[in-house]
C-alpha atoms as a PDB file:
ATOM      1  CA  MET A   1    -115.207  65.799 -76.237  1.00  0.00           C
ATOM      2  CA  VAL A   2    -115.301  69.251 -77.763  1.00  0.00           C
ATOM      3  CA  LYS A   3    -115.788  69.425 -81.511  1.00  0.00           C
ATOM      4  CA  LYS A   4    -114.205  71.900 -83.892  1.00  0.00           C
ATOM      5  CA  LYS A   5    -117.396  73.885 -84.304  1.00  0.00           C
ATOM      6  CA  GLU A   6    -117.741  74.472 -80.565  1.00  0.00           C
ATOM      7  CA  ASN A   7    -114.169  75.788 -80.492  1.00  0.00           C
ATOM      8  CA  LEU A   8    -115.160  78.349 -83.127  1.00  0.00           C
ATOM      9  CA  LEU A   9    -118.067  79.490 -80.991  1.00  0.00           C
ATOM     10  CA  VAL A  10    -115.821  79.831 -77.933  1.00  0.00           C
ATOM     11  CA  LEU A  11    -113.266  81.793 -79.985  1.00  0.00           C
ATOM     12  CA  GLY A  12    -115.974  84.198 -81.122  1.00  0.00           C
ATOM     13  CA  MET A  13    -117.275  84.813 -77.623  1.00  0.00           C
ATOM     14  CA  PHE A  14    -113.750  85.199 -76.237  1.00  0.00           C
ATOM     15  CA  CYS A  15    -112.925  87.818 -78.892  1.00  0.00           C
ATOM     16  CA  LEU A  16    -116.094  89.750 -78.090  1.00  0.00           C
ATOM     17  CA  ILE A  17    -115.239  89.749 -74.399  1.00  0.00           C
ATOM     18  CA  ILE A  18    -111.711  91.003 -75.121  1.00  0.00           C
ATOM     19  CA  ALA A  19    -113.051  93.751 -77.390  1.00  0.00           C
ATOM     20  CA  PHE A  20    -115.555  94.824 -74.737  1.00  0.00           C
ATOM     21  CA  VAL A  21    -112.958  94.942 -71.954  1.00  0.00           C
ATOM     22  CA  VAL A  22    -110.437  96.852 -74.080  1.00  0.00           C
ATOM     23  CA  GLU A  23    -113.149  99.333 -75.053  1.00  0.00           C
ATOM     24  CA  MET A  24    -114.121  99.873 -71.418  1.00  0.00           C
ATOM     25  CA  PHE A  25    -110.623 100.411 -70.054  1.00  0.00           C
ATOM     26  CA  GLY A  26    -108.804 101.822 -73.076  1.00  0.00           C
ATOM     27  CA  ASN A  27    -108.261 105.428 -74.041  1.00  0.00           C
ATOM     28  CA  ALA A  28    -109.547 106.925 -77.281  1.00  0.00           C
ATOM     29  CA  ASN A  29    -106.838 105.981 -79.750  1.00  0.00           C
ATOM     30  CA  ILE A  30    -107.022 105.065 -83.439  1.00  0.00           C
ATOM     31  CA  LEU A  31    -104.722 102.063 -82.980  1.00  0.00           C
ATOM     32  CA  LEU A  32    -106.833 100.774 -80.104  1.00  0.00           C
ATOM     33  CA  ASP A  33    -109.973 101.155 -82.208  1.00  0.00           C
ATOM     34  CA  VAL A  34    -108.389  99.135 -85.013  1.00  0.00           C
ATOM     35  CA  ILE A  35    -107.479  96.362 -82.564  1.00  0.00           C
ATOM     36  CA  ILE A  36    -111.035  96.322 -81.196  1.00  0.00           C
ATOM     37  CA  LEU A  37    -112.453  96.113 -84.716  1.00  0.00           C
ATOM     38  CA  LEU A  38    -110.043  93.269 -85.474  1.00  0.00           C
ATOM     39  CA  PHE A  39    -111.329  91.293 -82.490  1.00  0.00           C
ATOM     40  CA  ILE A  40    -114.936  91.976 -83.522  1.00  0.00           C
ATOM     41  CA  GLY A  41    -114.141  90.832 -87.068  1.00  0.00           C
ATOM     42  CA  VAL A  42    -112.602  87.593 -85.824  1.00  0.00           C
ATOM     43  CA  ALA A  43    -115.690  87.021 -83.685  1.00  0.00           C
ATOM     44  CA  ILE A  44    -118.037  87.559 -86.635  1.00  0.00           C
ATOM     45  CA  ILE A  45    -116.058  85.248 -88.912  1.00  0.00           C
ATOM     46  CA  SER A  46    -115.748  82.464 -86.349  1.00  0.00           C
ATOM     47  CA  ASN A  47    -119.449  82.624 -85.465  1.00  0.00           C
ATOM     48  CA  ALA A  48    -120.347  82.538 -89.171  1.00  0.00           C
ATOM     49  CA  LYS A  49    -118.167  79.440 -89.639  1.00  0.00           C
ATOM     50  CA  TYR A  50    -119.918  77.870 -86.645  1.00  0.00           C
ATOM     51  CA  LEU A  51    -123.313  78.489 -88.221  1.00  0.00           C
ATOM     52  CA  VAL A  52    -122.194  77.006 -91.538  1.00  0.00           C
ATOM     53  CA  LEU A  53    -120.730  73.899 -89.907  1.00  0.00           C
ATOM     54  CA  SER A  54    -123.792  73.353 -87.727  1.00  0.00           C
ATOM     55  CA  THR A  55    -126.169  73.574 -90.697  1.00  0.00           C
ATOM     56  CA  ILE A  56    -123.996  71.161 -92.676  1.00  0.00           C
ATOM     57  CA  ASP A  57    -124.144  68.687 -89.784  1.00  0.00           C
ATOM     58  CA  LYS A  58    -127.932  69.011 -89.610  1.00  0.00           C
ATOM     59  CA  LYS A  59    -128.242  68.320 -93.343  1.00  0.00           C
ATOM     60  CA  LYS A  60    -126.081  65.194 -93.040  1.00  0.00           C
ATOM     61  CA  LYS A  61    -128.370  63.726 -90.371  1.00  0.00           C
END
């Protein structure tokens, strides 16, 4: 069974992969750069939430 914190980690990695692929195959455009930065931001936030939840679980045990 997958827990909520693992879903956050998967979301972060999936957003990084999308940002990387769009950067590789996209043209230089300001709107495309904003979308890539949005995906990177979502990845950073979800990975930070994963770290917080995993440290909280370790403290409970």
